[in-house]
């Protein structure tokens, strides 16, 4: 009887230790997930800014070239 009770107490202590470890791992996993999510949001914001900047620069160059060509076409020929 005492032996059985001691075995159950040992098992209970092992289960408690495993639960504490699982909770700790879960908290670490949640923290890592949140950090990665934040990194993703920053990356997407920076990437979209970079793309918009590149598109804007390309648009500016195309527009400037179109205006130059139109100016040449409409200029009086001598």
PDB file of N, CA and C in Angstrom:
ATOM      1  N   UNK A   1       0.828  -1.192   0.000  1.00  0.00           N
ATOM      2  CA  UNK A   1       0.000   0.000   0.000  1.00  0.00           C
ATOM      3  C   UNK A   1       0.871   1.254   0.000  1.00  0.00           C
ATOM      4  N   UNK A   2       1.840   1.310   0.921  1.00  0.00           N
ATOM      5  CA  UNK A   2       2.739   2.460   0.997  1.00  0.00           C
ATOM      6  C   UNK A   2       3.585   2.546  -0.265  1.00  0.00           C
ATOM      7  N   UNK A   3       4.017   1.377  -0.751  1.00  0.00           N
ATOM      8  CA  UNK A   3       4.828   1.325  -1.974  1.00  0.00           C
ATOM      9  C   UNK A   3       4.026   1.887  -3.149  1.00  0.00           C
ATOM     10  N   UNK A   4       2.781   1.490  -3.281  1.00  0.00           N
ATOM     11  CA  UNK A   4       1.908   1.962  -4.356  1.00  0.00           C
ATOM     12  C   UNK A   4       1.687   3.466  -4.255  1.00  0.00           C
ATOM     13  N   UNK A   5       1.493   3.950  -3.055  1.00  0.00           N
ATOM     14  CA  UNK A   5       1.300   5.382  -2.839  1.00  0.00           C
ATOM     15  C   UNK A   5       2.550   6.161  -3.228  1.00  0.00           C
ATOM     16  N   UNK A   6       3.714   5.633  -2.867  1.00  0.00           N
ATOM     17  CA  UNK A   6       4.974   6.291  -3.235  1.00  0.00           C
ATOM     18  C   UNK A   6       5.163   6.312  -4.748  1.00  0.00           C
ATOM     19  N   UNK A   7       4.810   5.222  -5.421  1.00  0.00           N
ATOM     20  CA  UNK A   7       4.916   5.171  -6.882  1.00  0.00           C
ATOM     21  C   UNK A   7       3.986   6.198  -7.526  1.00  0.00           C
ATOM     22  N   UNK A   8       2.790   6.311  -7.015  1.00  0.00           N
ATOM     23  CA  UNK A   8       1.836   7.285  -7.552  1.00  0.00           C
ATOM     24  C   UNK A   8       2.325   8.712  -7.330  1.00  0.00           C
ATOM     25  N   UNK A   9       2.928   8.956  -6.174  1.00  0.00           N
ATOM     26  CA  UNK A   9       3.464  10.290  -5.897  1.00  0.00           C
ATOM     27  C   UNK A   9       4.631  10.605  -6.830  1.00  0.00           C
ATOM     28  N   UNK A  10       5.471   9.598  -7.108  1.00  0.00           N
ATOM     29  CA  UNK A  10       6.589   9.791  -8.036  1.00  0.00           C
ATOM     30  C   UNK A  10       6.068  10.084  -9.444  1.00  0.00           C
ATOM     31  N   UNK A  11       5.055   9.341  -9.863  1.00  0.00           N
ATOM     32  CA  UNK A  11       4.461   9.577 -11.180  1.00  0.00           C
ATOM     33  C   UNK A  11       3.842  10.970 -11.249  1.00  0.00           C
ATOM     34  N   UNK A  12       3.177  11.348 -10.186  1.00  0.00           N
ATOM     35  CA  UNK A  12       2.570  12.676 -10.132  1.00  0.00           C
ATOM     36  C   UNK A  12       3.640  13.760 -10.244  1.00  0.00           C
ATOM     37  N   UNK A  13       4.759  13.582  -9.557  1.00  0.00           N
ATOM     38  CA  UNK A  13       5.857  14.544  -9.620  1.00  0.00           C
ATOM     39  C   UNK A  13       6.436  14.605 -11.033  1.00  0.00           C
ATOM     40  N   UNK A  14       6.568  13.446 -11.693  1.00  0.00           N
ATOM     41  CA  UNK A  14       7.068  13.415 -13.071  1.00  0.00           C
ATOM     42  C   UNK A  14       6.109  14.141 -14.012  1.00  0.00           C
ATOM     43  N   UNK A  15       4.823  13.877 -13.849  1.00  0.00           N
ATOM     44  CA  UNK A  15       3.821  14.541 -14.693  1.00  0.00           C
ATOM     45  C   UNK A  15       3.833  16.055 -14.462  1.00  0.00           C
ATOM     46  N   UNK A  16       3.972  16.447 -13.212  1.00  0.00           N
ATOM     47  CA  UNK A  16       4.027  17.874 -12.897  1.00  0.00           C
ATOM     48  C   UNK A  16       5.240  18.514 -13.566  1.00  0.00           C
ATOM     49  N   UNK A  17       6.378  17.847 -13.503  1.00  0.00           N
ATOM     50  CA  UNK A  17       7.597  18.360 -14.131  1.00  0.00           C
ATOM     51  C   UNK A  17       7.403  18.493 -15.644  1.00  0.00           C
ATOM     52  N   UNK A  18       6.782  17.485 -16.260  1.00  0.00           N
ATOM     53  CA  UNK A  18       6.532  17.530 -17.705  1.00  0.00           C
ATOM     54  C   UNK A  18       5.574  18.664 -18.063  1.00  0.00           C
ATOM     55  N   UNK A  19       4.556  18.870 -17.245  1.00  0.00           N
ATOM     56  CA  UNK A  19       3.611  19.963 -17.506  1.00  0.00           C
ATOM     57  C   UNK A  19       4.290  21.326 -17.403  1.00  0.00           C
ATOM     58  N   UNK A  20       5.147  21.481 -16.405  1.00  0.00           N
ATOM     59  CA  UNK A  20       5.881  22.743 -16.249  1.00  0.00           C
ATOM     60  C   UNK A  20       6.769  22.976 -17.467  1.00  0.00           C
ATOM     61  N   UNK A  21       7.439  21.918 -17.924  1.00  0.00           N
ATOM     62  CA  UNK A  21       8.302  22.028 -19.103  1.00  0.00           C
ATOM     63  C   UNK A  21       7.485  22.352 -20.352  1.00  0.00           C
ATOM     64  N   UNK A  22       6.329  21.707 -20.498  1.00  0.00           N
ATOM     65  CA  UNK A  22       5.462  21.974 -21.648  1.00  0.00           C
ATOM     66  C   UNK A  22       4.958  23.414 -21.635  1.00  0.00           C
ATOM     67  N   UNK A  23       4.583  23.922 -20.473  1.00  0.00           N
ATOM     68  CA  UNK A  23       4.136  25.311 -20.369  1.00  0.00           C
ATOM     69  C   UNK A  23       5.251  26.272 -20.741  1.00  0.00           C
ATOM     70  N   UNK A  24       6.456  25.974 -20.282  1.00  0.00           N
ATOM     71  CA  UNK A  24       7.607  26.813 -20.603  1.00  0.00           C
ATOM     72  C   UNK A  24       7.865  26.809 -22.110  1.00  0.00           C
ATOM     73  N   UNK A  25       7.822  25.621 -22.717  1.00  0.00           N
ATOM     74  CA  UNK A  25       8.027  25.515 -24.164  1.00  0.00           C
ATOM     75  C   UNK A  25       6.931  26.243 -24.932  1.00  0.00           C
ATOM     76  N   UNK A  26       5.711  26.143 -24.444  1.00  0.00           N
ATOM     77  CA  UNK A  26       4.592  26.821 -25.093  1.00  0.00           C
ATOM     78  C   UNK A  26       4.770  28.338 -25.051  1.00  0.00           C
ATOM     79  N   UNK A  27       5.211  28.852 -23.919  1.00  0.00           N
ATOM     80  CA  UNK A  27       5.449  30.293 -23.793  1.00  0.00           C
ATOM     81  C   UNK A  27       6.572  30.742 -24.722  1.00  0.00           C
ATOM     82  N   UNK A  28       7.644  29.953 -24.790  1.00  0.00           N
ATOM     83  CA  UNK A  28       8.756  30.286 -25.693  1.00  0.00           C
ATOM     84  C   UNK A  28       8.300  30.255 -27.142  1.00  0.00           C
ATOM     85  N   UNK A  29       7.507  29.256 -27.486  1.00  0.00           N
ATOM     86  CA  UNK A  29       6.990  29.136 -28.844  1.00  0.00           C
ATOM     87  C   UNK A  29       6.099  30.326 -29.197  1.00  0.00           C
ATOM     88  N   UNK A  30       5.233  30.728 -28.278  1.00  0.00           N
ATOM     89  CA  UNK A  30       4.361  31.881 -28.514  1.00  0.00           C
ATOM     90  C   UNK A  30       5.180  33.154 -28.690  1.00  0.00           C
ATOM     91  N   UNK A  31       6.212  33.325 -27.877  1.00  0.00           N
ATOM     92  CA  UNK A  31       7.076  34.502 -27.978  1.00  0.00           C
ATOM     93  C   UNK A  31       7.801  34.514 -29.324  1.00  0.00           C
ATOM     94  N   UNK A  32       8.323  33.372 -29.734  1.00  0.00           N
ATOM     95  CA  UNK A  32       9.015  33.284 -31.022  1.00  0.00           C
ATOM     96  C   UNK A  32       8.056  33.570 -32.167  1.00  0.00           C
ATOM     97  N   UNK A  33       6.847  33.038 -32.084  1.00  0.00           N
ATOM     98  CA  UNK A  33       5.839  33.292 -33.108  1.00  0.00           C
ATOM     99  C   UNK A  33       5.539  34.785 -33.207  1.00  0.00           C
ATOM    100  N   UNK A  34       5.347  35.436 -32.065  1.00  0.00           N
ATOM    101  CA  UNK A  34       5.059  36.872 -32.059  1.00  0.00           C
ATOM    102  C   UNK A  34       6.214  37.673 -32.651  1.00  0.00           C
ATOM    103  N   UNK A  35       7.451  37.284 -32.333  1.00  0.00           N
ATOM    104  CA  UNK A  35       8.615  37.976 -32.885  1.00  0.00           C
ATOM    105  C   UNK A  35       8.685  37.799 -34.399  1.00  0.00           C
ATOM    106  N   UNK A  36       8.426  36.588 -34.875  1.00  0.00           N
ATOM    107  CA  UNK A  36       8.440  36.338 -36.318  1.00  0.00           C
ATOM    108  C   UNK A  36       7.316  37.090 -37.024  1.00  0.00           C
ATOM    109  N   UNK A  37       6.159  37.158 -36.395  1.00  0.00           N
ATOM    110  CA  UNK A  37       5.043  37.899 -36.974  1.00  0.00           C
ATOM    111  C   UNK A  37       5.385  39.382 -37.081  1.00  0.00           C
ATOM    112  N   UNK A  38       6.005  39.922 -36.039  1.00  0.00           N
ATOM    113  CA  UNK A  38       6.429  41.322 -36.069  1.00  0.00           C
ATOM    114  C   UNK A  38       7.473  41.536 -37.165  1.00  0.00           C
ATOM    115  N   UNK A  39       8.426  40.622 -37.282  1.00  0.00           N
ATOM    116  CA  UNK A  39       9.443  40.718 -38.327  1.00  0.00           C
ATOM    117  C   UNK A  39       8.796  40.690 -39.708  1.00  0.00           C
ATOM    118  N   UNK A  40       7.815  39.807 -39.889  1.00  0.00           N
ATOM    119  CA  UNK A  40       7.117  39.709 -41.170  1.00  0.00           C
ATOM    120  C   UNK A  40       6.423  41.023 -41.511  1.00  0.00           C
ATOM    121  N   UNK A  41       5.772  41.628 -40.524  1.00  0.00           N
ATOM    122  CA  UNK A  41       5.059  42.883 -40.766  1.00  0.00           C
ATOM    123  C   UNK A  41       6.031  43.997 -41.150  1.00  0.00           C
ATOM    124  N   UNK A  42       7.159  44.074 -40.450  1.00  0.00           N
ATOM    125  CA  UNK A  42       8.170  45.089 -40.769  1.00  0.00           C
ATOM    126  C   UNK A  42       8.738  44.831 -42.156  1.00  0.00           C
ATOM    127  N   UNK A  43       9.037  43.566 -42.458  1.00  0.00           N
ATOM    128  CA  UNK A  43       9.583  43.210 -43.763  1.00  0.00           C
ATOM    129  C   UNK A  43       8.612  43.596 -44.877  1.00  0.00           C
ATOM    130  N   UNK A  44       7.336  43.247 -44.716  1.00  0.00           N
ATOM    131  CA  UNK A  44       6.351  43.563 -45.747  1.00  0.00           C
ATOM    132  C   UNK A  44       6.192  45.068 -45.928  1.00  0.00           C
ATOM    133  N   UNK A  45       6.234  45.808 -44.838  1.00  0.00           N
ATOM    134  CA  UNK A  45       6.123  47.265 -44.934  1.00  0.00           C
ATOM    135  C   UNK A  45       7.321  47.838 -45.684  1.00  0.00           C
ATOM    136  N   UNK A  46       8.529  47.403 -45.312  1.00  0.00           N
ATOM    137  CA  UNK A  46       9.730  47.889 -45.985  1.00  0.00           C
ATOM    138  C   UNK A  46       9.757  47.455 -47.443  1.00  0.00           C
ATOM    139  N   UNK A  47       9.361  46.207 -47.709  1.00  0.00           N
ATOM    140  CA  UNK A  47       9.356  45.699 -49.076  1.00  0.00           C
ATOM    141  C   UNK A  47       8.366  46.477 -49.933  1.00  0.00           C
ATOM    142  N   UNK A  48       7.177  46.734 -49.403  1.00  0.00           N
ATOM    143  CA  UNK A  48       6.184  47.472 -50.184  1.00  0.00           C
ATOM    144  C   UNK A  48       6.647  48.901 -50.434  1.00  0.00           C
ATOM    145  N   UNK A  49       7.330  49.499 -49.455  1.00  0.00           N
ATOM    146  CA  UNK A  49       7.880  50.843 -49.661  1.00  0.00           C
ATOM    147  C   UNK A  49       8.930  50.824 -50.759  1.00  0.00           C
ATOM    148  N   UNK A  50       9.760  49.793 -50.760  1.00  0.00           N
ATOM    149  CA  UNK A  50      10.795  49.660 -51.779  1.00  0.00           C
ATOM    150  C   UNK A  50      10.180  49.486 -53.159  1.00  0.00           C
ATOM    151  N   UNK A  51       9.158  48.648 -53.254  1.00  0.00           N
ATOM    152  CA  UNK A  51       8.489  48.423 -54.534  1.00  0.00           C
ATOM    153  C   UNK A  51       7.825  49.706 -55.018  1.00  0.00           C
ATOM    154  N   UNK A  52       7.126  50.397 -54.123  1.00  0.00           N
ATOM    155  CA  UNK A  52       6.479  51.647 -54.519  1.00  0.00           C
ATOM    156  C   UNK A  52       7.501  52.682 -54.961  1.00  0.00           C
ATOM    157  N   UNK A  53       8.632  52.726 -54.294  1.00  0.00           N
ATOM    158  CA  UNK A  53       9.693  53.649 -54.671  1.00  0.00           C
ATOM    159  C   UNK A  53      10.222  53.311 -56.060  1.00  0.00           C
ATOM    160  N   UNK A  54      10.452  52.020 -56.309  1.00  0.00           N
ATOM    161  CA  UNK A  54      10.960  51.593 -57.612  1.00  0.00           C
ATOM    162  C   UNK A  54       9.936  51.873 -58.707  1.00  0.00           C
ATOM    163  N   UNK A  55       8.664  51.609 -58.419  1.00  0.00           N
ATOM    164  CA  UNK A  55       7.610  51.874 -59.396  1.00  0.00           C
ATOM    165  C   UNK A  55       7.517  53.372 -59.668  1.00  0.00           C
ATOM    166  N   UNK A  56       7.596  54.167 -58.611  1.00  0.00           N
ATOM    167  CA  UNK A  56       7.542  55.619 -58.782  1.00  0.00           C
ATOM    168  C   UNK A  56       8.699  56.132 -59.617  1.00  0.00           C
ATOM    169  N   UNK A  57       9.892  55.602 -59.364  1.00  0.00           N
ATOM    170  CA  UNK A  57      11.070  56.020 -60.133  1.00  0.00           C
ATOM    171  C   UNK A  57      10.923  55.614 -61.592  1.00  0.00           C
ATOM    172  N   UNK A  58      10.443  54.407 -61.823  1.00  0.00           N
ATOM    173  CA  UNK A  58      10.231  53.929 -63.191  1.00  0.00           C
ATOM    174  C   UNK A  58       9.174  54.787 -63.887  1.00  0.00           C
ATOM    175  N   UNK A  59       8.088  55.087 -63.196  1.00  0.00           N
ATOM    176  CA  UNK A  59       7.034  55.923 -63.761  1.00  0.00           C
ATOM    177  C   UNK A  59       7.587  57.300 -64.121  1.00  0.00           C
ATOM    178  N   UNK A  60       8.412  57.860 -63.232  1.00  0.00           N
ATOM    179  CA  UNK A  60       9.003  59.171 -63.488  1.00  0.00           C
ATOM    180  C   UNK A  60       9.870  59.124 -64.743  1.00  0.00           C
ATOM    181  N   UNK A  61      10.694  58.094 -64.880  1.00  0.00           N
ATOM    182  CA  UNK A  61      11.582  57.985 -66.045  1.00  0.00           C
ATOM    183  C   UNK A  61      10.783  57.817 -67.332  1.00  0.00           C
ATOM    184  N   UNK A  62       9.751  56.973 -67.301  1.00  0.00           N
ATOM    185  CA  UNK A  62       8.924  56.754 -68.492  1.00  0.00           C
ATOM    186  C   UNK A  62       8.191  58.035 -68.868  1.00  0.00           C
ATOM    187  N   UNK A  63       7.658  58.727 -67.874  1.00  0.00           N
ATOM    188  CA  UNK A  63       6.946  59.983 -68.136  1.00  0.00           C
ATOM    189  C   UNK A  63       7.891  61.033 -68.704  1.00  0.00           C
ATOM    190  N   UNK A  64       9.068  61.145 -68.125  1.00  0.00           N
ATOM    191  CA  UNK A  64      10.049  62.118 -68.620  1.00  0.00           C
ATOM    192  C   UNK A  64      10.445  61.793 -70.052  1.00  0.00           C
ATOM    193  N   UNK A  65      10.646  60.520 -70.349  1.00  0.00           N
ATOM    194  CA  UNK A  65      11.009  60.117 -71.714  1.00  0.00           C
ATOM    195  C   UNK A  65       9.861  60.395 -72.674  1.00  0.00           C
ATOM    196  N   UNK A  66       8.641  60.119 -72.258  1.00  0.00           N
ATOM    197  CA  UNK A  66       7.479  60.385 -73.115  1.00  0.00           C
ATOM    198  C   UNK A  66       7.347  61.878 -73.388  1.00  0.00           C
ATOM    199  N   UNK A  67       7.554  62.700 -72.376  1.00  0.00           N
ATOM    200  CA  UNK A  67       7.482  64.152 -72.583  1.00  0.00           C
ATOM    201  C   UNK A  67       8.589  64.621 -73.515  1.00  0.00           C
ATOM    202  N   UNK A  68       9.774  64.034 -73.388  1.00  0.00           N
ATOM    203  CA  UNK A  68      10.883  64.411 -74.269  1.00  0.00           C
ATOM    204  C   UNK A  68      10.555  64.052 -75.715  1.00  0.00           C
ATOM    205  N   UNK A  69      10.031  62.841 -75.924  1.00  0.00           N
ATOM    206  CA  UNK A  69       9.690  62.405 -77.280  1.00  0.00           C
ATOM    207  C   UNK A  69       8.569  63.270 -77.840  1.00  0.00           C
ATOM    208  N   UNK A  70       7.564  63.561 -77.038  1.00  0.00           N
ATOM    209  CA  UNK A  70       6.462  64.418 -77.497  1.00  0.00           C
ATOM    210  C   UNK A  70       6.975  65.807 -77.848  1.00  0.00           C
ATOM    211  N   UNK A  71       7.904  66.292 -77.053  1.00  0.00           N
ATOM    212  CA  UNK A  71       8.493  67.602 -77.329  1.00  0.00           C
ATOM    213  C   UNK A  71       9.245  67.596 -78.644  1.00  0.00           C
ATOM    214  N   UNK A  72       9.959  66.518 -78.922  1.00  0.00           N
ATOM    215  CA  UNK A  72      10.688  66.414 -80.185  1.00  0.00           C
ATOM    216  C   UNK A  72       9.729  66.310 -81.357  1.00  0.00           C
ATOM    217  N   UNK A  73       8.631  65.604 -81.167  1.00  0.00           N
ATOM    218  CA  UNK A  73       7.666  65.435 -82.249  1.00  0.00           C
ATOM    219  C   UNK A  73       6.929  66.731 -82.556  1.00  0.00           C
ATOM    220  N   UNK A  74       6.680  67.531 -81.533  1.00  0.00           N
ATOM    221  CA  UNK A  74       5.905  68.748 -81.757  1.00  0.00           C
ATOM    222  C   UNK A  74       6.787  69.953 -82.057  1.00  0.00           C
ATOM    223  N   UNK A  75       8.093  69.792 -81.921  1.00  0.00           N
ATOM    224  CA  UNK A  75       8.996  70.925 -82.189  1.00  0.00           C
ATOM    225  C   UNK A  75       9.039  71.183 -83.695  1.00  0.00           C
ATOM    226  N   UNK A  76       9.065  72.465 -84.062  1.00  0.00           N
ATOM    227  CA  UNK A  76       9.140  72.784 -85.498  1.00  0.00           C
ATOM    228  C   UNK A  76      10.474  72.291 -86.078  1.00  0.00           C
ATOM    229  N   UNK A  77      10.393  71.743 -87.246  1.00  0.00           N
ATOM    230  CA  UNK A  77      11.597  71.235 -87.898  1.00  0.00           C
ATOM    231  C   UNK A  77      12.179  72.326 -88.766  1.00  0.00           C
ATOM    232  N   UNK A  78      13.479  72.435 -88.679  1.00  0.00           N
ATOM    233  CA  UNK A  78      14.111  73.491 -89.478  1.00  0.00           C
ATOM    234  C   UNK A  78      14.837  72.952 -90.661  1.00  0.00           C
TER     235      UNK A  78
END
